Amino acid sequence: MNHLIVPIHEIVQEEETEEIIKKFGGKKEKFPQILLSDPVIEELGAEKGNLIRITRETPTAGKTIYYRMVVK
């Protein structure tokens, strides 16, 4: 988690999750997936069905935010 190439991962709160799902299509199944066994997900203590916000910073694109749904 503290490595330079590992972007910031955080569990999105339940209230905010519903807003994000509505904003980007209305179905959890449409989000890209991340496995429950992923080392970062295990470290966060996330559970199946949690939405994860991944924040990446690059010199060319700047700050970008991605979302992934935790699956088994």
N, C-alpha and C. Protein backbone atom coordinates (compact mmCIF):
# COMPACT_ATOMS: atom_id res chain seq x y z
N MET A 1 0.82 -1.19 0.00
CA MET A 1 0.00 0.00 0.00
C MET A 1 0.87 1.26 0.00
N ASN A 2 2.05 1.18 0.55
CA ASN A 2 2.90 2.35 0.64
C ASN A 2 3.93 2.40 -0.48
N HIS A 3 3.72 1.63 -1.53
CA HIS A 3 4.64 1.61 -2.65
C HIS A 3 4.27 2.70 -3.65
N LEU A 4 5.26 3.23 -4.32
CA LEU A 4 5.08 4.32 -5.27
C LEU A 4 4.10 3.99 -6.39
N ILE A 5 4.09 2.74 -6.86
CA ILE A 5 3.23 2.41 -7.99
C ILE A 5 1.84 1.92 -7.60
N VAL A 6 1.56 1.81 -6.30
CA VAL A 6 0.22 1.41 -5.85
C VAL A 6 -0.61 2.67 -5.64
N PRO A 7 -1.67 2.85 -6.45
CA PRO A 7 -2.50 4.05 -6.28
C PRO A 7 -3.31 4.00 -4.98
N ILE A 8 -3.88 5.11 -4.61
CA ILE A 8 -4.69 5.20 -3.40
C ILE A 8 -6.00 4.45 -3.61
N HIS A 9 -6.30 3.52 -2.71
CA HIS A 9 -7.55 2.77 -2.73
C HIS A 9 -8.33 3.11 -1.47
N GLU A 10 -9.63 3.32 -1.60
CA GLU A 10 -10.46 3.56 -0.42
C GLU A 10 -11.86 3.00 -0.65
N ILE A 11 -12.46 2.54 0.43
CA ILE A 11 -13.83 2.03 0.37
C ILE A 11 -14.77 3.22 0.35
N VAL A 12 -15.70 3.23 -0.60
CA VAL A 12 -16.68 4.30 -0.71
C VAL A 12 -17.81 4.01 0.29
N GLN A 13 -18.21 5.03 1.03
CA GLN A 13 -19.30 4.87 2.00
C GLN A 13 -20.60 4.50 1.29
N GLU A 14 -21.46 3.79 1.98
CA GLU A 14 -22.69 3.25 1.40
C GLU A 14 -23.57 4.33 0.75
N GLU A 15 -23.73 5.47 1.43
CA GLU A 15 -24.58 6.54 0.89
C GLU A 15 -24.01 7.07 -0.43
N GLU A 16 -22.71 7.27 -0.45
CA GLU A 16 -22.05 7.77 -1.66
C GLU A 16 -22.06 6.73 -2.78
N THR A 17 -21.99 5.45 -2.40
CA THR A 17 -22.01 4.37 -3.38
C THR A 17 -23.27 4.44 -4.24
N GLU A 18 -24.41 4.63 -3.59
CA GLU A 18 -25.68 4.69 -4.32
C GLU A 18 -25.70 5.85 -5.31
N GLU A 19 -25.17 7.00 -4.90
CA GLU A 19 -25.10 8.16 -5.79
C GLU A 19 -24.21 7.90 -6.99
N ILE A 20 -23.06 7.27 -6.75
CA ILE A 20 -22.12 6.98 -7.83
C ILE A 20 -22.72 5.98 -8.80
N ILE A 21 -23.38 4.96 -8.28
CA ILE A 21 -24.00 3.94 -9.13
C ILE A 21 -25.05 4.59 -10.03
N LYS A 22 -25.87 5.46 -9.47
CA LYS A 22 -26.89 6.15 -10.28
C LYS A 22 -26.24 7.04 -11.34
N LYS A 23 -25.18 7.72 -10.96
CA LYS A 23 -24.49 8.64 -11.87
C LYS A 23 -23.86 7.91 -13.06
N PHE A 24 -23.34 6.70 -12.83
CA PHE A 24 -22.62 5.98 -13.88
C PHE A 24 -23.35 4.77 -14.45
N GLY A 25 -24.66 4.74 -14.42
CA GLY A 25 -25.33 3.67 -15.13
C GLY A 25 -26.40 2.92 -14.38
N GLY A 26 -26.46 3.05 -13.08
CA GLY A 26 -27.57 2.47 -12.35
C GLY A 26 -27.48 1.00 -11.97
N LYS A 27 -26.38 0.31 -12.30
CA LYS A 27 -26.27 -1.11 -11.94
C LYS A 27 -24.86 -1.42 -11.46
N LYS A 28 -24.78 -2.11 -10.32
CA LYS A 28 -23.49 -2.50 -9.76
C LYS A 28 -22.71 -3.39 -10.73
N GLU A 29 -23.43 -4.24 -11.45
CA GLU A 29 -22.81 -5.23 -12.33
C GLU A 29 -22.04 -4.58 -13.48
N LYS A 30 -22.32 -3.33 -13.78
CA LYS A 30 -21.66 -2.66 -14.90
C LYS A 30 -20.29 -2.09 -14.54
N PHE A 31 -19.97 -2.05 -13.25
CA PHE A 31 -18.68 -1.52 -12.83
C PHE A 31 -17.58 -2.56 -13.05
N PRO A 32 -16.37 -2.11 -13.36
CA PRO A 32 -15.24 -3.05 -13.43
C PRO A 32 -15.10 -3.72 -12.07
N GLN A 33 -14.55 -4.92 -12.08
CA GLN A 33 -14.48 -5.70 -10.85
C GLN A 33 -13.06 -5.77 -10.30
N ILE A 34 -12.98 -5.99 -9.00
CA ILE A 34 -11.72 -6.27 -8.34
C ILE A 34 -11.98 -7.41 -7.38
N LEU A 35 -11.07 -8.36 -7.33
CA LEU A 35 -11.29 -9.56 -6.53
C LEU A 35 -11.09 -9.31 -5.04
N LEU A 36 -11.87 -10.01 -4.26
CA LEU A 36 -11.77 -9.95 -2.80
C LEU A 36 -10.39 -10.41 -2.34
N SER A 37 -9.75 -11.26 -3.14
CA SER A 37 -8.43 -11.79 -2.80
C SER A 37 -7.29 -10.86 -3.21
N ASP A 38 -7.59 -9.72 -3.85
CA ASP A 38 -6.56 -8.76 -4.22
C ASP A 38 -5.87 -8.27 -2.94
N PRO A 39 -4.54 -8.22 -2.91
CA PRO A 39 -3.84 -7.82 -1.69
C PRO A 39 -4.27 -6.47 -1.12
N VAL A 40 -4.53 -5.49 -1.96
CA VAL A 40 -4.95 -4.18 -1.47
C VAL A 40 -6.34 -4.27 -0.84
N ILE A 41 -7.22 -5.06 -1.44
CA ILE A 41 -8.58 -5.21 -0.91
C ILE A 41 -8.54 -5.93 0.43
N GLU A 42 -7.69 -6.94 0.55
CA GLU A 42 -7.53 -7.62 1.83
C GLU A 42 -7.01 -6.66 2.89
N GLU A 43 -6.04 -5.82 2.53
CA GLU A 43 -5.47 -4.85 3.46
C GLU A 43 -6.53 -3.83 3.93
N LEU A 44 -7.41 -3.41 3.02
CA LEU A 44 -8.47 -2.46 3.37
C LEU A 44 -9.55 -3.09 4.25
N GLY A 45 -9.69 -4.41 4.17
CA GLY A 45 -10.75 -5.08 4.90
C GLY A 45 -12.10 -4.94 4.20
N ALA A 46 -12.06 -4.75 2.88
CA ALA A 46 -13.29 -4.60 2.11
C ALA A 46 -14.05 -5.92 2.04
N GLU A 47 -15.33 -5.81 1.75
CA GLU A 47 -16.19 -6.99 1.63
C GLU A 47 -16.80 -7.03 0.24
N LYS A 48 -17.28 -8.20 -0.13
CA LYS A 48 -17.96 -8.36 -1.42
C LYS A 48 -19.10 -7.35 -1.51
N GLY A 49 -19.18 -6.65 -2.63
CA GLY A 49 -20.23 -5.66 -2.83
C GLY A 49 -19.80 -4.23 -2.52
N ASN A 50 -18.63 -4.06 -1.88
CA ASN A 50 -18.12 -2.71 -1.62
C ASN A 50 -17.65 -2.08 -2.92
N LEU A 51 -17.84 -0.77 -3.02
CA LEU A 51 -17.31 -0.01 -4.14
C LEU A 51 -15.99 0.61 -3.69
N ILE A 52 -14.97 0.47 -4.52
CA ILE A 52 -13.63 0.97 -4.20
C ILE A 52 -13.30 2.14 -5.12
N ARG A 53 -12.83 3.24 -4.53
CA ARG A 53 -12.37 4.40 -5.30
C ARG A 53 -10.85 4.30 -5.39
N ILE A 54 -10.35 4.34 -6.62
CA ILE A 54 -8.91 4.29 -6.86
C ILE A 54 -8.50 5.61 -7.47
N THR A 55 -7.58 6.30 -6.80
CA THR A 55 -7.12 7.61 -7.25
C THR A 55 -5.69 7.48 -7.74
N ARG A 56 -5.49 7.81 -9.00
CA ARG A 56 -4.16 7.73 -9.62
C ARG A 56 -3.71 9.12 -10.02
N GLU A 57 -2.42 9.36 -9.91
CA GLU A 57 -1.86 10.62 -10.37
C GLU A 57 -0.73 10.32 -11.34
N THR A 58 -0.81 10.97 -12.50
CA THR A 58 0.23 10.80 -13.52
C THR A 58 0.68 12.18 -13.99
N PRO A 59 1.91 12.26 -14.52
CA PRO A 59 2.40 13.56 -14.99
C PRO A 59 1.60 14.09 -16.19
N THR A 60 1.06 13.20 -17.01
CA THR A 60 0.35 13.65 -18.22
C THR A 60 -1.13 13.86 -18.01
N ALA A 61 -1.81 12.95 -17.31
CA ALA A 61 -3.26 13.04 -17.14
C ALA A 61 -3.66 13.73 -15.84
N GLY A 62 -2.72 13.91 -14.95
CA GLY A 62 -3.05 14.50 -13.66
C GLY A 62 -3.74 13.49 -12.76
N LYS A 63 -4.70 13.94 -11.99
CA LYS A 63 -5.41 13.09 -11.04
C LYS A 63 -6.63 12.48 -11.71
N THR A 64 -6.73 11.14 -11.67
CA THR A 64 -7.89 10.45 -12.24
C THR A 64 -8.48 9.52 -11.18
N ILE A 65 -9.79 9.35 -11.24
CA ILE A 65 -10.48 8.50 -10.28
C ILE A 65 -11.18 7.37 -11.03
N TYR A 66 -10.98 6.16 -10.52
CA TYR A 66 -11.61 4.96 -11.07
C TYR A 66 -12.41 4.29 -9.96
N TYR A 67 -13.40 3.52 -10.35
CA TYR A 67 -14.20 2.77 -9.37
C TYR A 67 -14.18 1.30 -9.76
N ARG A 68 -14.13 0.43 -8.75
CA ARG A 68 -14.18 -1.02 -8.94
C ARG A 68 -15.13 -1.60 -7.90
N MET A 69 -15.87 -2.63 -8.29
CA MET A 69 -16.79 -3.33 -7.39
C MET A 69 -16.09 -4.60 -6.91
N VAL A 70 -16.10 -4.84 -5.62
CA VAL A 70 -15.46 -6.02 -5.05
C VAL A 70 -16.33 -7.24 -5.29
N VAL A 71 -15.72 -8.27 -5.87
CA VAL A 71 -16.41 -9.54 -6.13
C VAL A 71 -15.59 -10.66 -5.51
N LYS A 72 -16.19 -11.85 -5.44
CA LYS A 72 -15.47 -12.97 -4.80
C LYS A 72 -14.36 -13.46 -5.60
